[in-house]
């Protein structure tokens, strides 16, 4: 998404590649950019993808740092129903604002 689209968004789904060694840095960069925007987007849902490709320590760290995050493997189709439910809640919340 372009930054212009983000400022118009009622909500934001941030998908993070948990298998990337710099996943924490990627999240920090995105959050930094969002915080500098003149108009901040609505609520943000963070989805961590590729949980099937990481060790248990990485997964545990992400779950500890982002307890509201959704943890999925799109390739293995793990956690997709939870993601759907969370997206539905996000939309419902964003519309109610």
N, C-alpha and C. Protein backbone atom coordinates (compact mmCIF):
# COMPACT_ATOMS: atom_id res chain seq x y z
N UNK A 1 0.84 -1.18 0.00
CA UNK A 1 0.00 0.00 0.00
C UNK A 1 0.88 1.24 0.00
N UNK A 2 0.40 2.25 -0.65
CA UNK A 2 1.13 3.52 -0.62
C UNK A 2 0.78 4.25 0.66
N UNK A 3 1.60 5.20 1.03
CA UNK A 3 1.33 5.97 2.24
C UNK A 3 0.03 6.75 2.12
N UNK A 4 -0.30 7.19 0.91
CA UNK A 4 -1.54 7.90 0.69
C UNK A 4 -2.74 7.01 1.03
N UNK A 5 -2.69 5.77 0.61
CA UNK A 5 -3.78 4.84 0.89
C UNK A 5 -3.89 4.57 2.38
N UNK A 6 -2.76 4.51 3.06
CA UNK A 6 -2.76 4.25 4.50
C UNK A 6 -3.46 5.37 5.25
N UNK A 7 -3.25 6.61 4.85
CA UNK A 7 -3.89 7.72 5.55
C UNK A 7 -5.40 7.71 5.36
N UNK A 8 -5.88 7.10 4.30
CA UNK A 8 -7.32 7.00 4.06
C UNK A 8 -7.94 5.75 4.68
N UNK A 9 -7.11 4.87 5.22
CA UNK A 9 -7.60 3.59 5.71
C UNK A 9 -8.33 3.74 7.04
N UNK A 10 -9.41 2.97 7.18
CA UNK A 10 -10.13 2.92 8.45
C UNK A 10 -9.45 1.96 9.42
N UNK A 11 -8.68 1.02 8.87
CA UNK A 11 -7.95 0.03 9.67
C UNK A 11 -6.77 -0.44 8.83
N UNK A 12 -5.84 -1.11 9.50
CA UNK A 12 -4.63 -1.54 8.81
C UNK A 12 -4.27 -2.97 9.21
N UNK A 13 -4.01 -3.80 8.22
CA UNK A 13 -3.50 -5.15 8.46
C UNK A 13 -2.03 -5.14 8.09
N UNK A 14 -1.17 -5.36 9.07
CA UNK A 14 0.28 -5.37 8.85
C UNK A 14 0.74 -6.82 8.90
N UNK A 15 1.15 -7.35 7.76
CA UNK A 15 1.63 -8.74 7.67
C UNK A 15 3.14 -8.73 7.78
N UNK A 16 3.66 -9.48 8.74
CA UNK A 16 5.09 -9.54 9.02
C UNK A 16 5.61 -10.92 8.67
N UNK A 17 6.72 -10.96 7.94
CA UNK A 17 7.39 -12.22 7.62
C UNK A 17 8.24 -12.60 8.83
N UNK A 18 7.72 -13.49 9.66
CA UNK A 18 8.41 -13.87 10.89
C UNK A 18 9.70 -14.64 10.62
N UNK A 19 9.82 -15.20 9.43
CA UNK A 19 11.04 -15.96 9.11
C UNK A 19 12.20 -15.05 8.72
N UNK A 20 11.93 -13.78 8.49
CA UNK A 20 13.01 -12.85 8.12
C UNK A 20 13.81 -12.50 9.37
N UNK A 21 15.13 -12.56 9.29
CA UNK A 21 15.95 -12.29 10.47
C UNK A 21 15.74 -10.90 11.08
N UNK A 22 15.31 -9.94 10.28
CA UNK A 22 15.12 -8.57 10.77
C UNK A 22 13.65 -8.23 10.98
N UNK A 23 12.82 -9.20 11.33
CA UNK A 23 11.38 -8.95 11.46
C UNK A 23 11.08 -7.85 12.48
N UNK A 24 11.82 -7.80 13.57
CA UNK A 24 11.56 -6.77 14.58
C UNK A 24 11.88 -5.38 14.03
N UNK A 25 12.95 -5.29 13.29
CA UNK A 25 13.33 -4.02 12.68
C UNK A 25 12.29 -3.56 11.65
N UNK A 26 11.75 -4.52 10.91
CA UNK A 26 10.71 -4.19 9.93
C UNK A 26 9.48 -3.59 10.62
N UNK A 27 9.09 -4.20 11.73
CA UNK A 27 7.93 -3.69 12.47
C UNK A 27 8.22 -2.28 12.98
N UNK A 28 9.40 -2.10 13.55
CA UNK A 28 9.78 -0.78 14.07
C UNK A 28 9.76 0.28 12.98
N UNK A 29 10.26 -0.07 11.81
CA UNK A 29 10.28 0.88 10.69
C UNK A 29 8.88 1.29 10.28
N UNK A 30 8.00 0.31 10.16
CA UNK A 30 6.61 0.60 9.77
C UNK A 30 5.94 1.47 10.83
N UNK A 31 6.10 1.11 12.09
CA UNK A 31 5.46 1.87 13.17
C UNK A 31 6.01 3.29 13.23
N UNK A 32 7.30 3.44 12.98
CA UNK A 32 7.91 4.77 12.97
C UNK A 32 7.32 5.63 11.86
N UNK A 33 7.21 5.06 10.68
CA UNK A 33 6.62 5.79 9.56
C UNK A 33 5.17 6.17 9.86
N UNK A 34 4.41 5.23 10.41
CA UNK A 34 3.01 5.52 10.73
C UNK A 34 2.89 6.63 11.77
N UNK A 35 3.79 6.63 12.75
CA UNK A 35 3.70 7.64 13.80
C UNK A 35 4.04 9.04 13.29
N UNK A 36 4.78 9.12 12.19
CA UNK A 36 5.15 10.41 11.62
C UNK A 36 4.12 10.96 10.64
N UNK A 37 3.12 10.16 10.34
CA UNK A 37 2.11 10.59 9.36
C UNK A 37 1.19 11.63 9.98
N UNK A 38 0.75 12.60 9.17
CA UNK A 38 -0.13 13.64 9.71
C UNK A 38 -1.48 13.08 10.16
N UNK A 39 -1.93 12.05 9.50
CA UNK A 39 -3.18 11.39 9.87
C UNK A 39 -2.84 9.93 10.12
N UNK A 40 -3.07 9.48 11.33
CA UNK A 40 -2.76 8.08 11.62
C UNK A 40 -3.93 7.21 11.22
N UNK A 41 -3.63 6.01 10.74
CA UNK A 41 -4.72 5.11 10.35
C UNK A 41 -5.47 4.63 11.59
N UNK A 42 -6.57 3.96 11.35
CA UNK A 42 -7.35 3.40 12.44
C UNK A 42 -6.60 2.27 13.12
N UNK A 43 -7.33 1.37 13.74
CA UNK A 43 -6.69 0.27 14.46
C UNK A 43 -5.83 -0.59 13.53
N UNK A 44 -4.80 -1.18 14.12
CA UNK A 44 -3.85 -2.00 13.36
C UNK A 44 -3.86 -3.42 13.89
N UNK A 45 -3.97 -4.38 12.99
CA UNK A 45 -3.84 -5.79 13.31
C UNK A 45 -2.53 -6.27 12.72
N UNK A 46 -1.69 -6.88 13.57
CA UNK A 46 -0.41 -7.40 13.10
C UNK A 46 -0.54 -8.92 12.95
N UNK A 47 -0.29 -9.40 11.73
CA UNK A 47 -0.33 -10.84 11.45
C UNK A 47 1.09 -11.30 11.14
N UNK A 48 1.53 -12.30 11.86
CA UNK A 48 2.86 -12.86 11.66
C UNK A 48 2.73 -14.11 10.80
N UNK A 49 3.30 -14.06 9.61
CA UNK A 49 3.23 -15.17 8.67
C UNK A 49 4.51 -16.01 8.74
N UNK A 50 4.42 -17.21 8.20
CA UNK A 50 5.53 -18.16 8.10
C UNK A 50 5.95 -18.72 9.46
N UNK A 51 4.98 -18.91 10.36
CA UNK A 51 5.30 -19.47 11.67
C UNK A 51 5.83 -20.89 11.56
N UNK A 52 5.54 -21.54 10.45
CA UNK A 52 6.04 -22.90 10.23
C UNK A 52 7.52 -22.92 9.88
N UNK A 53 8.11 -21.77 9.63
CA UNK A 53 9.50 -21.70 9.20
C UNK A 53 10.43 -21.12 10.27
N UNK A 54 9.93 -20.95 11.48
CA UNK A 54 10.77 -20.37 12.55
C UNK A 54 10.90 -21.34 13.71
N UNK A 55 11.95 -21.13 14.50
CA UNK A 55 12.13 -21.98 15.68
C UNK A 55 11.19 -21.51 16.80
N UNK A 56 11.06 -22.34 17.81
CA UNK A 56 10.11 -22.06 18.89
C UNK A 56 10.49 -20.80 19.67
N UNK A 57 11.78 -20.50 19.76
CA UNK A 57 12.22 -19.29 20.47
C UNK A 57 11.75 -18.02 19.77
N UNK A 58 11.87 -18.00 18.45
CA UNK A 58 11.43 -16.83 17.68
C UNK A 58 9.93 -16.65 17.81
N UNK A 59 9.19 -17.74 17.70
CA UNK A 59 7.74 -17.67 17.84
C UNK A 59 7.35 -17.18 19.23
N UNK A 60 7.99 -17.73 20.26
CA UNK A 60 7.68 -17.33 21.63
C UNK A 60 7.99 -15.85 21.86
N UNK A 61 9.08 -15.37 21.30
CA UNK A 61 9.45 -13.96 21.44
C UNK A 61 8.40 -13.06 20.79
N UNK A 62 7.99 -13.42 19.58
CA UNK A 62 6.97 -12.63 18.88
C UNK A 62 5.65 -12.64 19.64
N UNK A 63 5.27 -13.80 20.17
CA UNK A 63 4.03 -13.90 20.92
C UNK A 63 4.09 -13.09 22.21
N UNK A 64 5.27 -13.04 22.81
CA UNK A 64 5.43 -12.26 24.04
C UNK A 64 5.40 -10.76 23.75
N UNK A 65 6.08 -10.34 22.69
CA UNK A 65 6.14 -8.92 22.34
C UNK A 65 4.83 -8.41 21.74
N UNK A 66 4.09 -9.29 21.08
CA UNK A 66 2.85 -8.89 20.40
C UNK A 66 1.73 -9.86 20.77
N UNK A 67 1.26 -9.81 22.02
CA UNK A 67 0.24 -10.76 22.46
C UNK A 67 -1.08 -10.64 21.69
N UNK A 68 -1.33 -9.48 21.08
CA UNK A 68 -2.55 -9.30 20.29
C UNK A 68 -2.36 -9.69 18.83
N UNK A 69 -1.15 -10.09 18.48
CA UNK A 69 -0.86 -10.49 17.10
C UNK A 69 -1.54 -11.80 16.74
N UNK A 70 -1.64 -12.03 15.44
CA UNK A 70 -2.20 -13.28 14.93
C UNK A 70 -1.05 -14.02 14.24
N UNK A 71 -0.93 -15.30 14.53
CA UNK A 71 0.21 -16.07 14.05
C UNK A 71 -0.28 -17.13 13.07
N UNK A 72 0.23 -17.03 11.84
CA UNK A 72 -0.29 -17.87 10.76
C UNK A 72 0.83 -18.47 9.91
N UNK A 73 0.44 -19.46 9.14
CA UNK A 73 1.25 -19.94 8.03
C UNK A 73 0.30 -20.03 6.85
N UNK A 74 0.39 -19.07 5.95
CA UNK A 74 -0.50 -19.08 4.79
C UNK A 74 -0.25 -20.32 3.94
N UNK A 75 1.01 -20.70 3.81
CA UNK A 75 1.37 -21.86 3.01
C UNK A 75 0.79 -23.15 3.57
N UNK A 76 0.85 -23.31 4.89
CA UNK A 76 0.34 -24.52 5.55
C UNK A 76 -1.12 -24.36 5.99
N UNK A 77 -1.67 -23.17 5.74
CA UNK A 77 -3.05 -22.86 6.08
C UNK A 77 -3.32 -22.97 7.60
N UNK A 78 -2.33 -22.55 8.38
CA UNK A 78 -2.46 -22.57 9.84
C UNK A 78 -2.88 -21.19 10.33
N UNK A 79 -3.87 -21.16 11.20
CA UNK A 79 -4.29 -19.91 11.82
C UNK A 79 -5.13 -19.00 10.94
N UNK A 80 -5.52 -19.47 9.77
CA UNK A 80 -6.25 -18.59 8.85
C UNK A 80 -7.66 -18.25 9.35
N UNK A 81 -8.30 -19.20 10.02
CA UNK A 81 -9.63 -18.91 10.56
C UNK A 81 -9.54 -17.85 11.66
N UNK A 82 -8.52 -17.96 12.49
CA UNK A 82 -8.30 -16.94 13.53
C UNK A 82 -8.04 -15.59 12.88
N UNK A 83 -7.26 -15.58 11.81
CA UNK A 83 -7.00 -14.33 11.09
C UNK A 83 -8.30 -13.75 10.55
N UNK A 84 -9.13 -14.59 9.93
CA UNK A 84 -10.42 -14.12 9.41
C UNK A 84 -11.27 -13.49 10.51
N UNK A 85 -11.33 -14.17 11.65
CA UNK A 85 -12.12 -13.65 12.78
C UNK A 85 -11.59 -12.31 13.27
N UNK A 86 -10.27 -12.21 13.35
CA UNK A 86 -9.66 -10.96 13.81
C UNK A 86 -9.86 -9.83 12.82
N UNK A 87 -9.81 -10.14 11.54
CA UNK A 87 -10.08 -9.12 10.52
C UNK A 87 -11.53 -8.65 10.62
N UNK A 88 -12.45 -9.58 10.83
CA UNK A 88 -13.86 -9.21 10.98
C UNK A 88 -14.04 -8.30 12.20
N UNK A 89 -13.37 -8.62 13.30
CA UNK A 89 -13.45 -7.77 14.49
C UNK A 89 -12.84 -6.39 14.23
N UNK A 90 -11.73 -6.38 13.50
CA UNK A 90 -11.06 -5.13 13.16
C UNK A 90 -11.98 -4.24 12.34
N UNK A 91 -12.63 -4.82 11.35
CA UNK A 91 -13.55 -4.06 10.50
C UNK A 91 -14.73 -3.55 11.32
N UNK A 92 -15.28 -4.42 12.15
CA UNK A 92 -16.41 -4.03 13.00
C UNK A 92 -16.02 -2.85 13.89
N UNK A 93 -14.84 -2.95 14.50
CA UNK A 93 -14.36 -1.88 15.39
C UNK A 93 -14.13 -0.60 14.60
N UNK A 94 -13.49 -0.71 13.44
CA UNK A 94 -13.18 0.47 12.62
C UNK A 94 -14.45 1.18 12.16
N UNK A 95 -15.47 0.41 11.81
CA UNK A 95 -16.73 1.00 11.36
C UNK A 95 -17.43 1.71 12.52
N UNK A 96 -17.28 1.17 13.72
CA UNK A 96 -17.94 1.75 14.90
C UNK A 96 -17.31 3.07 15.33
N UNK A 97 -16.08 3.32 14.90
CA UNK A 97 -15.39 4.56 15.33
C UNK A 97 -16.02 5.80 14.74
